[in-house]
Amino acid sequence: MLTVIGDLLADVVVLGASSFEVGTDNPAVITHTRGGSAANVAVAAAASVPVRFIGRVGADAEGDALARTLEAAGVDVRVQRGGRTGSIVILVDDTAERTMLTDRGAAAELGPVDPEWLAGTRWLHLPLYGFAAPVSRDALLGACRWAHAHGVPVSLDLSSVAAMRDLGAAALEGIMTDAAPDVVFANADEARLLEELGLRHPDRSVFVVKRGAQPVLVTGDEGTVEVPVEPVADVVDTTGAGDAFAAGYLAAALAGEAPPGCAKAGAGSARGALRRPGAI
């Protein structure tokens, strides 16, 4: 069982957001989808391995609907409820790059995770977003302690340069030390910021750096390996591609694949996410 803890949110994706004329109408293609990094990973992995999602949504109809979409995708859903469900507005420009306006709502208030919800976990995956608020940070670190006590590998996705900057070097270093992840995922910008902050991935962890169309860098005890990436010519939207990569990587890891092979599987999973608007 792959267990993913973090955000389940409502995504509003706006295609055609390269330029705006203030004070009047701006034509766009707008889609409403289920989002949240952790939820994306859960759905993308569910086709390959048993997956459980743990998070918090509002005590509202939107939270109910989002939870049902995960269940329909084959995910075992365990959610706390309270407050209002969070949302993200995603502006996608003509190059398929996205800018996000985020209101995490109830997701930021995740409380302690019931140990029974973690039973059967063989791998625990955590996006950095869940560590942004002190309450949810404590909940995730509690889950990490459970994982370490039960010999369960942990992976951490650095997720966002904005989230990293907001946390700051000291808090980010503390999170990586306390979470003690076996695998750390980053894109090129996140890896660069980690270095600028004077930090590095924890000792004995595998550091996986996604670099778009360039080879993925996989760094472990034996050095760095470059894993080629098949180019995608018809990119529509990069939203969720990193989450799809993590899902493919973790499914391969649970099947016993070595890190370079896991990265190859992750890159294959990400290609599908690049060809459609919105999250997975």
Protein backbone atom coordinates (compact mmCIF):
# COMPACT_ATOMS: atom_id res chain seq x y z
CA MET A 1 0.00 0.00 0.00
CA LEU A 2 1.29 3.44 -1.01
CA THR A 3 -0.04 6.04 1.42
CA VAL A 4 -0.05 9.70 0.37
CA ILE A 5 -0.82 12.45 2.87
CA GLY A 6 -1.60 16.02 1.85
CA ASP A 7 -3.95 18.22 -0.14
CA LEU A 8 -7.24 17.42 -1.86
CA LEU A 9 -8.45 20.64 -3.47
CA ALA A 10 -10.72 22.00 -6.20
CA ASP A 11 -8.73 23.18 -9.25
CA VAL A 12 -9.98 25.90 -11.60
CA VAL A 13 -7.73 25.74 -14.68
CA VAL A 14 -7.65 28.74 -17.02
CA LEU A 15 -6.12 28.05 -20.46
CA GLY A 16 -5.14 31.09 -22.53
CA ALA A 17 -3.78 33.20 -19.69
CA SER A 18 -0.80 34.70 -21.53
CA SER A 19 -2.17 38.23 -21.47
CA PHE A 20 -5.04 40.09 -19.87
CA GLU A 21 -6.84 43.30 -20.76
CA VAL A 22 -7.81 44.87 -17.46
CA GLY A 23 -11.40 45.96 -16.96
CA THR A 24 -13.05 43.91 -19.70
CA ASP A 25 -13.71 40.35 -20.87
CA ASN A 26 -10.82 37.99 -21.62
CA PRO A 27 -11.70 34.82 -23.57
CA ALA A 28 -10.35 31.63 -22.05
CA VAL A 29 -11.00 27.91 -21.73
CA ILE A 30 -11.83 27.13 -18.09
CA THR A 31 -12.08 23.65 -16.58
CA HIS A 32 -12.99 22.56 -13.06
CA THR A 33 -11.13 19.49 -11.80
CA ARG A 34 -10.00 17.70 -8.69
CA GLY A 35 -6.53 18.79 -7.60
CA GLY A 36 -3.99 18.90 -4.81
CA SER A 37 -0.51 17.43 -5.15
CA ALA A 38 -1.09 14.48 -2.81
CA ALA A 39 -4.42 13.63 -4.43
CA ASN A 40 -2.80 13.80 -7.88
CA VAL A 41 -0.11 11.33 -6.85
CA ALA A 42 -2.71 8.98 -5.37
CA VAL A 43 -4.84 8.92 -8.52
CA ALA A 44 -1.87 8.53 -10.86
CA ALA A 45 -0.51 5.60 -8.84
CA ALA A 46 -3.84 3.85 -8.30
CA ALA A 47 -3.71 2.13 -11.68
CA SER A 48 -0.50 0.35 -10.67
CA VAL A 49 -0.52 -0.17 -6.89
CA PRO A 50 -2.98 -0.07 -3.97
CA VAL A 51 -3.12 3.54 -2.76
CA ARG A 52 -4.52 5.28 0.29
CA PHE A 53 -5.03 9.05 0.50
CA ILE A 54 -5.12 10.84 3.86
CA GLY A 55 -6.03 14.51 4.12
CA ARG A 56 -8.57 17.08 5.28
CA VAL A 57 -11.45 18.65 3.37
CA GLY A 58 -14.22 21.00 4.35
CA ALA A 59 -17.46 19.91 5.94
CA ASP A 60 -19.20 20.88 2.72
CA ALA A 61 -20.61 19.46 -0.51
CA GLU A 62 -17.42 20.23 -2.42
CA GLY A 63 -15.35 18.18 0.01
CA ASP A 64 -17.80 15.28 -0.36
CA ALA A 65 -17.62 15.47 -4.15
CA LEU A 66 -13.81 15.59 -4.23
CA ALA A 67 -13.53 12.58 -1.94
CA ARG A 68 -15.89 10.65 -4.22
CA THR A 69 -13.70 11.40 -7.26
CA LEU A 70 -10.74 9.80 -5.50
CA GLU A 71 -12.80 6.76 -4.52
CA ALA A 72 -14.00 6.43 -8.12
CA ALA A 73 -10.34 6.35 -9.22
CA GLY A 74 -9.71 3.36 -6.96
CA VAL A 75 -8.13 5.21 -4.04
CA ASP A 76 -8.79 4.26 -0.41
CA VAL A 77 -9.82 7.66 1.00
CA ARG A 78 -9.45 8.65 4.65
CA VAL A 79 -10.28 12.32 5.28
CA GLN A 80 -10.80 14.55 8.28
CA ARG A 81 -13.55 17.15 7.85
CA GLY A 82 -13.98 20.69 9.05
CA GLY A 83 -14.06 24.26 7.79
CA ARG A 84 -14.20 24.78 4.04
CA THR A 85 -12.59 22.94 1.16
CA GLY A 86 -9.61 24.67 -0.45
CA SER A 87 -9.25 25.76 -4.08
CA ILE A 88 -6.52 26.64 -6.57
CA VAL A 89 -6.86 28.86 -9.65
CA ILE A 90 -4.27 27.77 -12.23
CA LEU A 91 -3.41 30.19 -15.03
CA VAL A 92 -1.82 28.40 -18.00
CA ASP A 93 0.01 30.48 -20.63
CA ASP A 94 0.77 29.73 -24.30
CA THR A 95 3.94 27.82 -23.37
CA ALA A 96 1.93 25.51 -21.05
CA GLU A 97 3.61 27.04 -18.01
CA ARG A 98 1.29 27.60 -15.06
CA THR A 99 0.89 30.17 -12.30
CA MET A 100 -1.18 29.18 -9.29
CA LEU A 101 -3.34 31.20 -6.89
CA THR A 102 -3.74 28.96 -3.85
CA ASP A 103 -6.23 28.85 -1.00
CA ARG A 104 -5.59 25.56 0.82
CA GLY A 105 -8.56 25.98 3.17
CA ALA A 106 -9.18 22.94 5.37
CA ALA A 107 -6.14 21.11 3.94
CA ALA A 108 -3.87 23.41 5.96
CA GLU A 109 -5.57 22.28 9.19
CA LEU A 110 -4.85 18.54 9.01
CA GLY A 111 -4.74 17.16 12.53
CA PRO A 112 -2.93 14.12 13.96
CA VAL A 113 -3.31 11.07 11.73
CA ASP A 114 -5.03 8.06 13.26
CA PRO A 115 -2.42 5.23 13.32
CA GLU A 116 -5.14 2.85 12.09
CA TRP A 117 -5.24 4.90 8.88
CA LEU A 118 -1.55 4.10 8.35
CA ALA A 119 -1.89 0.35 8.87
CA GLY A 120 -0.71 -1.66 5.86
CA THR A 121 1.42 1.17 4.47
CA ARG A 122 4.51 0.01 2.58
CA TRP A 123 5.59 3.49 1.42
CA LEU A 124 4.66 6.97 2.72
CA HIS A 125 4.75 9.95 0.34
CA LEU A 126 4.50 13.58 1.45
CA PRO A 127 4.45 16.75 -0.70
CA LEU A 128 6.05 19.79 0.99
CA TYR A 129 2.78 21.77 0.80
CA GLY A 130 1.48 19.85 3.80
CA PHE A 131 4.34 21.15 5.95
CA ALA A 132 3.50 24.82 5.34
CA ALA A 133 1.15 25.27 8.35
CA PRO A 134 2.36 24.30 11.85
CA VAL A 135 -0.69 22.13 12.61
CA SER A 136 -0.44 19.99 9.48
CA ARG A 137 3.38 19.93 9.77
CA ASP A 138 3.08 18.27 13.17
CA ALA A 139 0.61 15.74 11.74
CA LEU A 140 2.94 14.82 8.88
CA LEU A 141 5.98 14.51 11.11
CA GLY A 142 3.94 12.25 13.38
CA ALA A 143 3.20 10.06 10.36
CA CYS A 144 6.92 10.02 9.54
CA ARG A 145 7.72 8.83 13.05
CA TRP A 146 5.20 6.02 12.60
CA ALA A 147 6.82 5.10 9.27
CA HIS A 148 10.34 5.02 10.71
CA ALA A 149 9.19 2.91 13.65
CA HIS A 150 7.63 0.39 11.24
CA GLY A 151 10.47 0.32 8.70
CA VAL A 152 8.39 2.07 6.02
CA PRO A 153 10.25 4.21 3.44
CA VAL A 154 9.32 7.88 3.22
CA SER A 155 9.52 10.21 0.22
CA LEU A 156 9.32 14.01 0.25
CA ASP A 157 8.50 16.17 -2.78
CA LEU A 158 9.87 19.72 -2.44
CA SER A 159 6.86 20.74 -4.58
CA SER A 160 7.27 24.53 -4.89
CA VAL A 161 9.98 27.20 -4.71
CA ALA A 162 7.39 29.51 -3.13
CA ALA A 163 6.66 26.98 -0.38
CA MET A 164 10.38 26.49 0.19
CA ARG A 165 11.01 30.25 0.45
CA ASP A 166 8.05 30.74 2.78
CA LEU A 167 9.35 28.05 5.12
CA GLY A 168 12.91 29.40 5.06
CA ALA A 169 16.20 27.57 5.36
CA ALA A 170 15.97 26.73 9.07
CA ALA A 171 12.45 25.28 8.95
CA LEU A 172 13.13 23.41 5.71
CA GLU A 173 16.29 21.89 7.13
CA GLY A 174 14.36 20.84 10.25
CA ILE A 175 11.63 19.22 8.15
CA MET A 176 14.12 17.23 6.09
CA THR A 177 16.00 16.18 9.23
CA ASP A 178 12.89 15.12 11.13
CA ALA A 179 11.12 13.52 8.17
CA ALA A 180 14.37 11.71 7.21
CA PRO A 181 13.08 10.82 3.73
CA ASP A 182 14.54 7.94 1.76
CA VAL A 183 13.77 9.78 -1.50
CA VAL A 184 13.57 13.54 -2.17
CA PHE A 185 11.95 14.80 -5.39
CA ALA A 186 12.70 18.25 -6.83
CA ASN A 187 12.51 20.04 -10.15
CA ALA A 188 15.50 22.04 -11.39
CA ASP A 189 14.35 25.30 -9.78
CA GLU A 190 13.69 23.62 -6.43
CA ALA A 191 17.07 21.89 -6.50
CA ARG A 192 18.76 25.20 -7.29
CA LEU A 193 16.98 26.97 -4.43
CA LEU A 194 17.92 24.18 -2.03
CA GLU A 195 21.56 24.84 -2.90
CA GLU A 196 21.12 28.63 -2.61
CA LEU A 197 19.68 28.13 0.88
CA GLY A 198 22.84 26.24 1.82
CA LEU A 199 20.98 22.94 2.16
CA ARG A 200 21.27 19.50 0.64
CA HIS A 201 19.19 16.37 0.62
CA PRO A 202 19.53 14.24 3.77
CA ASP A 203 22.33 11.71 3.98
CA ARG A 204 21.45 8.22 2.73
CA SER A 205 18.53 9.57 0.71
CA VAL A 206 18.13 9.38 -3.05
CA PHE A 207 17.82 12.84 -4.63
CA VAL A 208 15.76 12.89 -7.83
CA VAL A 209 15.88 16.09 -9.91
CA LYS A 210 13.42 16.51 -12.80
CA ARG A 211 14.66 18.88 -15.52
CA GLY A 212 11.91 19.03 -18.12
CA ALA A 213 13.10 17.55 -21.40
CA GLN A 214 16.64 17.08 -20.05
CA PRO A 215 17.69 13.82 -18.36
CA VAL A 216 16.51 13.23 -14.79
CA LEU A 217 19.38 13.32 -12.29
CA VAL A 218 19.32 10.52 -9.71
CA THR A 219 21.88 10.97 -6.94
CA GLY A 220 22.56 8.28 -4.35
CA ASP A 221 25.42 6.73 -2.42
CA GLU A 222 27.13 5.66 -5.63
CA GLY A 223 27.01 9.05 -7.34
CA THR A 224 24.72 10.63 -9.94
CA VAL A 225 23.07 8.84 -12.86
CA GLU A 226 21.40 10.62 -15.79
CA VAL A 227 18.13 9.03 -16.91
CA PRO A 228 17.05 10.13 -20.43
CA VAL A 229 13.57 11.58 -20.93
CA GLU A 230 11.52 11.05 -24.07
CA PRO A 231 10.49 14.49 -25.43
CA VAL A 232 6.83 15.51 -25.62
CA ALA A 233 6.01 17.72 -28.59
CA ASP A 234 2.34 18.44 -27.86
CA VAL A 235 2.49 19.80 -24.30
CA VAL A 236 -0.87 21.26 -23.23
CA ASP A 237 -0.41 21.94 -19.51
CA THR A 238 2.39 21.08 -17.07
CA THR A 239 -0.02 20.92 -14.10
CA GLY A 240 0.36 17.61 -12.28
CA ALA A 241 3.32 16.37 -14.32
CA GLY A 242 5.59 16.29 -11.28
CA ASP A 243 2.95 14.43 -9.30
CA ALA A 244 2.56 11.91 -12.12
CA PHE A 245 6.34 11.45 -12.11
CA ALA A 246 6.33 10.75 -8.38
CA ALA A 247 3.50 8.24 -8.81
CA GLY A 248 5.32 6.34 -11.53
CA TYR A 249 8.57 6.37 -9.56
CA LEU A 250 6.96 5.11 -6.35
CA ALA A 251 4.97 2.37 -8.07
CA ALA A 252 8.22 1.10 -9.60
CA ALA A 253 10.00 1.36 -6.23
CA LEU A 254 7.29 -0.74 -4.58
CA ALA A 255 7.81 -3.32 -7.33
CA GLY A 256 11.51 -3.53 -6.37
CA GLU A 257 12.99 -1.42 -9.16
CA ALA A 258 16.31 0.41 -8.57
CA PRO A 259 16.25 4.26 -8.53
CA PRO A 260 17.29 4.80 -12.18
CA GLY A 261 14.57 2.43 -13.33
CA CYS A 262 12.09 4.17 -11.03
CA ALA A 263 13.01 7.51 -12.61
CA LYS A 264 12.43 6.06 -16.08
CA ALA A 265 8.99 4.87 -14.98
CA GLY A 266 8.29 8.29 -13.48
CA ALA A 267 9.17 10.06 -16.71
CA GLY A 268 6.83 7.76 -18.62
CA SER A 269 4.01 8.53 -16.22
CA ALA A 270 4.62 12.29 -16.50
CA ARG A 271 4.30 12.28 -20.30
CA GLY A 272 0.58 11.55 -20.13
CA ALA A 273 -0.03 14.43 -17.70
CA LEU A 274 1.60 16.89 -20.09
CA ARG A 275 -0.92 16.18 -22.84
CA ARG A 276 -4.10 17.23 -21.02
CA PRO A 277 -5.35 20.32 -19.17
CA GLY A 278 -5.55 20.31 -15.39
CA ALA A 279 -4.40 17.74 -12.89
CA ILE A 280 -4.35 13.95 -13.21
